[in-house]
All heavy atoms as atom14 arrays in JSON, in Angstrom:
{
  "sequence": "SETLDVDSTPDIRYLDFTLSNKCNLACIHCGPF",
  "atom14_mask": [
    [1, 1, 1, 1, 1, 1, 0, 0, 0, 0, 0, 0, 0, 0],
    [1, 1, 1, 1, 1, 1, 1, 1, 1, 0, 0, 0, 0, 0],
    [1, 1, 1, 1, 1, 1, 1, 0, 0, 0, 0, 0, 0, 0],
    [1, 1, 1, 1, 1, 1, 1, 1, 0, 0, 0, 0, 0, 0],
    [1, 1, 1, 1, 1, 1, 1, 1, 0, 0, 0, 0, 0, 0],
    [1, 1, 1, 1, 1, 1, 1, 0, 0, 0, 0, 0, 0, 0],
    [1, 1, 1, 1, 1, 1, 1, 1, 0, 0, 0, 0, 0, 0],
    [1, 1, 1, 1, 1, 1, 0, 0, 0, 0, 0, 0, 0, 0],
    [1, 1, 1, 1, 1, 1, 1, 0, 0, 0, 0, 0, 0, 0],
    [1, 1, 1, 1, 1, 1, 1, 0, 0, 0, 0, 0, 0, 0],
    [1, 1, 1, 1, 1, 1, 1, 1, 0, 0, 0, 0, 0, 0],
    [1, 1, 1, 1, 1, 1, 1, 1, 0, 0, 0, 0, 0, 0],
    [1, 1, 1, 1, 1, 1, 1, 1, 1, 1, 1, 0, 0, 0],
    [1, 1, 1, 1, 1, 1, 1, 1, 1, 1, 1, 1, 0, 0],
    [1, 1, 1, 1, 1, 1, 1, 1, 0, 0, 0, 0, 0, 0],
    [1, 1, 1, 1, 1, 1, 1, 1, 0, 0, 0, 0, 0, 0],
    [1, 1, 1, 1, 1, 1, 1, 1, 1, 1, 1, 0, 0, 0],
    [1, 1, 1, 1, 1, 1, 1, 0, 0, 0, 0, 0, 0, 0],
    [1, 1, 1, 1, 1, 1, 1, 1, 0, 0, 0, 0, 0, 0],
    [1, 1, 1, 1, 1, 1, 0, 0, 0, 0, 0, 0, 0, 0],
    [1, 1, 1, 1, 1, 1, 1, 1, 0, 0, 0, 0, 0, 0],
    [1, 1, 1, 1, 1, 1, 1, 1, 1, 0, 0, 0, 0, 0],
    [1, 1, 1, 1, 1, 1, 0, 0, 0, 0, 0, 0, 0, 0],
    [1, 1, 1, 1, 1, 1, 1, 1, 0, 0, 0, 0, 0, 0],
    [1, 1, 1, 1, 1, 1, 1, 1, 0, 0, 0, 0, 0, 0],
    [1, 1, 1, 1, 1, 0, 0, 0, 0, 0, 0, 0, 0, 0],
    [1, 1, 1, 1, 1, 1, 0, 0, 0, 0, 0, 0, 0, 0],
    [1, 1, 1, 1, 1, 1, 1, 1, 0, 0, 0, 0, 0, 0],
    [1, 1, 1, 1, 1, 1, 1, 1, 1, 1, 0, 0, 0, 0],
    [1, 1, 1, 1, 1, 1, 0, 0, 0, 0, 0, 0, 0, 0],
    [1, 1, 1, 1, 0, 0, 0, 0, 0, 0, 0, 0, 0, 0],
    [1, 1, 1, 1, 1, 1, 1, 0, 0, 0, 0, 0, 0, 0],
    [1, 1, 1, 1, 1, 1, 1, 1, 1, 1, 1, 0, 0, 0]
  ],
  "atom14_positions": [
    [[63.49, -43.67, 0.14], [64.22, -43.19, -1.03], [65.61, -43.79, -1.14], [66.24, -43.72, -2.2], [64.32, -41.65, -0.98], [63.04, -41.07, -1.06], [0.0, 0.0, 0.0], [0.0, 0.0, 0.0], [0.0, 0.0, 0.0], [0.0, 0.0, 0.0], [0.0, 0.0, 0.0], [0.0, 0.0, 0.0], [0.0, 0.0, 0.0], [0.0, 0.0, 0.0]],
    [[66.1, -44.37, -0.07], [67.4, -45.03, -0.11], [67.41, -46.17, -1.12], [68.45, -46.52, -1.69], [67.76, -45.55, 1.29], [69.16, -46.14, 1.39], [69.53, -46.52, 2.81], [68.69, -46.35, 3.71], [70.66, -46.98, 3.01], [0.0, 0.0, 0.0], [0.0, 0.0, 0.0], [0.0, 0.0, 0.0], [0.0, 0.0, 0.0], [0.0, 0.0, 0.0]],
    [[66.25, -46.77, -1.37], [66.17, -47.93, -2.26], [65.95, -47.55, -3.73], [65.93, -48.42, -4.59], [65.02, -48.85, -1.82], [63.77, -48.16, -2.0], [65.17, -49.25, -0.36], [0.0, 0.0, 0.0], [0.0, 0.0, 0.0], [0.0, 0.0, 0.0], [0.0, 0.0, 0.0], [0.0, 0.0, 0.0], [0.0, 0.0, 0.0], [0.0, 0.0, 0.0]],
    [[65.77, -46.26, -4.02], [65.53, -45.85, -5.39], [66.76, -46.07, -6.26], [67.88, -45.81, -5.84], [65.14, -44.37, -5.44], [63.83, -43.97, -4.77], [63.65, -42.47, -4.8], [62.65, -44.65, -5.46], [0.0, 0.0, 0.0], [0.0, 0.0, 0.0], [0.0, 0.0, 0.0], [0.0, 0.0, 0.0], [0.0, 0.0, 0.0], [0.0, 0.0, 0.0]],
    [[66.53, -46.56, -7.48], [67.64, -46.71, -8.41], [67.2, -46.31, -9.81], [66.05, -45.92, -10.03], [68.22, -48.13, -8.38], [67.19, -49.19, -8.76], [66.35, -48.92, -9.64], [67.25, -50.3, -8.19], [0.0, 0.0, 0.0], [0.0, 0.0, 0.0], [0.0, 0.0, 0.0], [0.0, 0.0, 0.0], [0.0, 0.0, 0.0], [0.0, 0.0, 0.0]],
    [[68.1, -46.42, -10.75], [67.84, -45.96, -12.11], [66.66, -46.69, -12.74], [65.88, -46.11, -13.5], [69.11, -46.14, -12.97], [68.82, -45.8, -14.43], [70.24, -45.27, -12.44], [0.0, 0.0, 0.0], [0.0, 0.0, 0.0], [0.0, 0.0, 0.0], [0.0, 0.0, 0.0], [0.0, 0.0, 0.0], [0.0, 0.0, 0.0], [0.0, 0.0, 0.0]],
    [[66.48, -47.97, -12.4], [65.45, -48.79, -13.03], [64.16, -48.88, -12.22], [63.3, -49.72, -12.51], [66.0, -50.2, -13.26], [67.17, -50.21, -14.25], [67.04, -49.54, -15.29], [68.19, -50.85, -13.96], [0.0, 0.0, 0.0], [0.0, 0.0, 0.0], [0.0, 0.0, 0.0], [0.0, 0.0, 0.0], [0.0, 0.0, 0.0], [0.0, 0.0, 0.0]],
    [[64.02, -48.05, -11.2], [62.81, -48.09, -10.38], [61.56, -47.83, -11.22], [61.56, -47.01, -12.15], [62.89, -47.03, -9.27], [63.9, -47.34, -8.34], [0.0, 0.0, 0.0], [0.0, 0.0, 0.0], [0.0, 0.0, 0.0], [0.0, 0.0, 0.0], [0.0, 0.0, 0.0], [0.0, 0.0, 0.0], [0.0, 0.0, 0.0], [0.0, 0.0, 0.0]],
    [[60.49, -48.55, -10.91], [59.21, -48.37, -11.59], [58.62, -47.01, -11.23], [58.73, -46.57, -10.07], [58.23, -49.48, -11.18], [58.79, -50.74, -11.53], [56.89, -49.3, -11.88], [0.0, 0.0, 0.0], [0.0, 0.0, 0.0], [0.0, 0.0, 0.0], [0.0, 0.0, 0.0], [0.0, 0.0, 0.0], [0.0, 0.0, 0.0], [0.0, 0.0, 0.0]],
    [[58.01, -46.31, -12.16], [57.39, -45.03, -11.83], [56.4, -45.15, -10.68], [55.59, -46.07, -10.63], [56.67, -44.64, -13.13], [57.41, -45.35, -14.2], [57.86, -46.64, -13.6], [0.0, 0.0, 0.0], [0.0, 0.0, 0.0], [0.0, 0.0, 0.0], [0.0, 0.0, 0.0], [0.0, 0.0, 0.0], [0.0, 0.0, 0.0], [0.0, 0.0, 0.0]],
    [[56.51, -44.22, -9.74], [55.6, -44.15, -8.6], [55.27, -42.67, -8.41], [55.8, -42.01, -7.53], [56.27, -44.73, -7.35], [55.37, -44.67, -6.13], [54.14, -44.51, -6.29], [55.9, -44.76, -5.0], [0.0, 0.0, 0.0], [0.0, 0.0, 0.0], [0.0, 0.0, 0.0], [0.0, 0.0, 0.0], [0.0, 0.0, 0.0], [0.0, 0.0, 0.0]],
    [[54.41, -42.16, -9.27], [54.15, -40.73, -9.33], [53.22, -40.32, -8.19], [52.07, -40.75, -8.12], [53.56, -40.32, -10.69], [54.45, -40.82, -11.84], [53.36, -38.81, -10.76], [55.87, -40.31, -11.79], [0.0, 0.0, 0.0], [0.0, 0.0, 0.0], [0.0, 0.0, 0.0], [0.0, 0.0, 0.0], [0.0, 0.0, 0.0], [0.0, 0.0, 0.0]],
    [[53.72, -39.46, -7.32], [52.93, -38.94, -6.21], [52.46, -37.51, -6.47], [51.5, -37.07, -5.85], [53.76, -38.96, -4.92], [54.44, -40.27, -4.58], [53.44, -41.36, -4.27], [54.08, -42.62, -3.92], [54.28, -43.05, -2.67], [53.91, -42.3, -1.65], [54.86, -44.22, -2.45], [0.0, 0.0, 0.0], [0.0, 0.0, 0.0], [0.0, 0.0, 0.0]],
    [[53.18, -36.81, -7.35], [52.91, -35.39, -7.59], [52.89, -35.16, -9.1], [53.9, -35.33, -9.77], [53.99, -34.53, -6.93], [53.72, -33.04, -6.93], [53.11, -32.44, -5.83], [54.08, -32.24, -8.0], [52.87, -31.07, -5.81], [53.84, -30.87, -8.0], [53.24, -30.3, -6.9], [53.0, -28.94, -6.88], [0.0, 0.0, 0.0], [0.0, 0.0, 0.0]],
    [[51.72, -34.8, -9.64], [51.54, -34.63, -11.07], [51.16, -33.17, -11.35], [50.15, -32.67, -10.86], [50.44, -35.56, -11.58], [50.1, -35.52, -13.07], [51.32, -35.82, -13.93], [48.98, -36.51, -13.38], [0.0, 0.0, 0.0], [0.0, 0.0, 0.0], [0.0, 0.0, 0.0], [0.0, 0.0, 0.0], [0.0, 0.0, 0.0], [0.0, 0.0, 0.0]],
    [[51.98, -32.51, -12.15], [51.87, -31.07, -12.37], [51.5, -30.8, -13.83], [52.16, -31.3, -14.75], [53.23, -30.43, -12.03], [53.17, -28.92, -11.99], [52.36, -28.32, -12.7], [53.98, -28.33, -11.25], [0.0, 0.0, 0.0], [0.0, 0.0, 0.0], [0.0, 0.0, 0.0], [0.0, 0.0, 0.0], [0.0, 0.0, 0.0], [0.0, 0.0, 0.0]],
    [[50.44, -30.03, -14.03], [50.03, -29.64, -15.38], [50.24, -28.14, -15.57], [49.68, -27.32, -14.84], [48.54, -29.95, -15.61], [48.2, -31.4, -15.62], [47.74, -32.03, -14.47], [48.32, -32.15, -16.78], [47.41, -33.38, -14.47], [47.99, -33.5, -16.8], [47.54, -34.11, -15.63], [0.0, 0.0, 0.0], [0.0, 0.0, 0.0], [0.0, 0.0, 0.0]],
    [[51.06, -27.8, -16.55], [51.2, -26.41, -16.98], [50.7, -26.39, -18.42], [51.46, -26.62, -19.37], [52.66, -25.94, -16.89], [53.11, -26.11, -15.54], [52.79, -24.48, -17.28], [0.0, 0.0, 0.0], [0.0, 0.0, 0.0], [0.0, 0.0, 0.0], [0.0, 0.0, 0.0], [0.0, 0.0, 0.0], [0.0, 0.0, 0.0], [0.0, 0.0, 0.0]],
    [[49.41, -26.14, -18.59], [48.75, -26.43, -19.87], [48.79, -25.27, -20.86], [48.71, -25.5, -22.07], [47.31, -26.84, -19.61], [47.14, -28.14, -18.8], [45.67, -28.44, -18.59], [47.83, -29.31, -19.49], [0.0, 0.0, 0.0], [0.0, 0.0, 0.0], [0.0, 0.0, 0.0], [0.0, 0.0, 0.0], [0.0, 0.0, 0.0], [0.0, 0.0, 0.0]],
    [[48.87, -24.04, -20.38], [48.91, -22.93, -21.33], [49.35, -21.66, -20.61], [49.48, -21.62, -19.39], [47.55, -22.71, -21.99], [46.73, -21.86, -21.21], [0.0, 0.0, 0.0], [0.0, 0.0, 0.0], [0.0, 0.0, 0.0], [0.0, 0.0, 0.0], [0.0, 0.0, 0.0], [0.0, 0.0, 0.0], [0.0, 0.0, 0.0], [0.0, 0.0, 0.0]],
    [[49.56, -20.62, -21.41], [49.93, -19.32, -20.85], [48.73, -18.37, -20.8], [48.92, -17.15, -20.65], [51.07, -18.69, -21.67], [50.63, -18.31, -23.09], [49.63, -18.82, -23.6], [51.38, -17.43, -23.73], [0.0, 0.0, 0.0], [0.0, 0.0, 0.0], [0.0, 0.0, 0.0], [0.0, 0.0, 0.0], [0.0, 0.0, 0.0], [0.0, 0.0, 0.0]],
    [[47.53, -18.9, -20.91], [46.34, -18.06, -20.87], [46.21, -17.4, -19.5], [46.12, -18.07, -18.48], [45.08, -18.88, -21.18], [43.83, -18.02, -21.28], [42.61, -18.83, -21.67], [41.37, -17.93, -21.76], [40.15, -18.69, -22.12], [0.0, 0.0, 0.0], [0.0, 0.0, 0.0], [0.0, 0.0, 0.0], [0.0, 0.0, 0.0], [0.0, 0.0, 0.0]],
    [[46.2, -16.07, -19.48], [46.16, -15.34, -18.21], [45.47, -14.0, -18.42], [45.55, -13.4, -19.5], [47.58, -15.12, -17.68], [47.63, -14.37, -16.02], [0.0, 0.0, 0.0], [0.0, 0.0, 0.0], [0.0, 0.0, 0.0], [0.0, 0.0, 0.0], [0.0, 0.0, 0.0], [0.0, 0.0, 0.0], [0.0, 0.0, 0.0], [0.0, 0.0, 0.0]],
    [[44.81, -13.53, -17.39], [44.08, -12.27, -17.45], [44.9, -11.08, -16.98], [44.43, -9.94, -17.02], [42.79, -12.36, -16.62], [43.07, -12.71, -15.17], [43.94, -13.52, -14.88], [42.32, -12.12, -14.26], [0.0, 0.0, 0.0], [0.0, 0.0, 0.0], [0.0, 0.0, 0.0], [0.0, 0.0, 0.0], [0.0, 0.0, 0.0], [0.0, 0.0, 0.0]],
    [[46.13, -11.32, -16.51], [46.97, -10.24, -15.99], [48.24, -10.08, -16.82], [48.56, -10.92, -17.67], [47.34, -10.51, -14.53], [46.19, -10.7, -13.53], [46.75, -10.84, -12.12], [45.21, -9.55, -13.6], [0.0, 0.0, 0.0], [0.0, 0.0, 0.0], [0.0, 0.0, 0.0], [0.0, 0.0, 0.0], [0.0, 0.0, 0.0], [0.0, 0.0, 0.0]],
    [[48.97, -9.0, -16.53], [50.24, -8.73, -17.21], [51.26, -8.28, -16.17], [51.77, -7.15, -16.2], [50.06, -7.66, -18.28], [0.0, 0.0, 0.0], [0.0, 0.0, 0.0], [0.0, 0.0, 0.0], [0.0, 0.0, 0.0], [0.0, 0.0, 0.0], [0.0, 0.0, 0.0], [0.0, 0.0, 0.0], [0.0, 0.0, 0.0], [0.0, 0.0, 0.0]],
    [[51.55, -9.15, -15.23], [52.41, -8.81, -14.1], [53.82, -8.43, -14.57], [54.35, -9.03, -15.5], [52.48, -9.96, -13.11], [50.87, -10.4, -12.43], [0.0, 0.0, 0.0], [0.0, 0.0, 0.0], [0.0, 0.0, 0.0], [0.0, 0.0, 0.0], [0.0, 0.0, 0.0], [0.0, 0.0, 0.0], [0.0, 0.0, 0.0], [0.0, 0.0, 0.0]],
    [[54.43, -7.48, -13.87], [55.7, -6.95, -14.34], [56.84, -7.95, -14.23], [57.84, -7.83, -14.94], [56.08, -5.66, -13.6], [56.27, -5.92, -12.1], [55.04, -4.58, -13.82], [56.81, -4.74, -11.37], [0.0, 0.0, 0.0], [0.0, 0.0, 0.0], [0.0, 0.0, 0.0], [0.0, 0.0, 0.0], [0.0, 0.0, 0.0], [0.0, 0.0, 0.0]],
    [[56.71, -8.96, -13.37], [57.75, -9.98, -13.25], [57.47, -11.17, -14.15], [58.14, -12.2, -14.06], [57.9, -10.43, -11.8], [56.61, -10.82, -11.13], [55.63, -9.92, -10.85], [56.14, -12.01, -10.68], [54.62, -10.53, -10.26], [54.9, -11.8, -10.16], [0.0, 0.0, 0.0], [0.0, 0.0, 0.0], [0.0, 0.0, 0.0], [0.0, 0.0, 0.0]],
    [[56.49, -11.01, -15.02], [56.11, -12.06, -15.96], [56.54, -11.6, -17.36], [57.49, -10.85, -17.52], [54.61, -12.27, -15.86], [54.04, -13.83, -16.54], [0.0, 0.0, 0.0], [0.0, 0.0, 0.0], [0.0, 0.0, 0.0], [0.0, 0.0, 0.0], [0.0, 0.0, 0.0], [0.0, 0.0, 0.0], [0.0, 0.0, 0.0], [0.0, 0.0, 0.0]],
    [[55.84, -12.07, -18.39], [56.17, -11.68, -19.75], [55.24, -12.36, -20.74], [54.45, -13.24, -20.36], [0.0, 0.0, 0.0], [0.0, 0.0, 0.0], [0.0, 0.0, 0.0], [0.0, 0.0, 0.0], [0.0, 0.0, 0.0], [0.0, 0.0, 0.0], [0.0, 0.0, 0.0], [0.0, 0.0, 0.0], [0.0, 0.0, 0.0], [0.0, 0.0, 0.0]],
    [[55.31, -12.01, -22.02], [54.36, -12.55, -23.01], [54.47, -14.05, -23.23], [53.49, -14.68, -23.62], [54.7, -11.77, -24.29], [56.06, -11.23, -24.08], [56.19, -10.99, -22.6], [0.0, 0.0, 0.0], [0.0, 0.0, 0.0], [0.0, 0.0, 0.0], [0.0, 0.0, 0.0], [0.0, 0.0, 0.0], [0.0, 0.0, 0.0], [0.0, 0.0, 0.0]],
    [[55.65, -14.64, -22.98], [55.78, -16.07, -23.2], [54.91, -16.87, -22.23], [54.41, -17.94, -22.58], [57.24, -16.5, -23.05], [57.46, -17.97, -23.28], [57.29, -18.53, -24.53], [57.83, -18.81, -22.23], [57.49, -19.89, -24.75], [58.02, -20.17, -22.43], [57.85, -20.71, -23.69], [0.0, 0.0, 0.0], [0.0, 0.0, 0.0], [0.0, 0.0, 0.0]]
  ]
}
């Protein structure tokens, strides 16, 4: 990581999908959004 700079080519190791809020629960620390 010492060699990383602003113009580094993408090297994606971790890809995260948060596709929707569809859920079967209504946990109290959550909400409708």
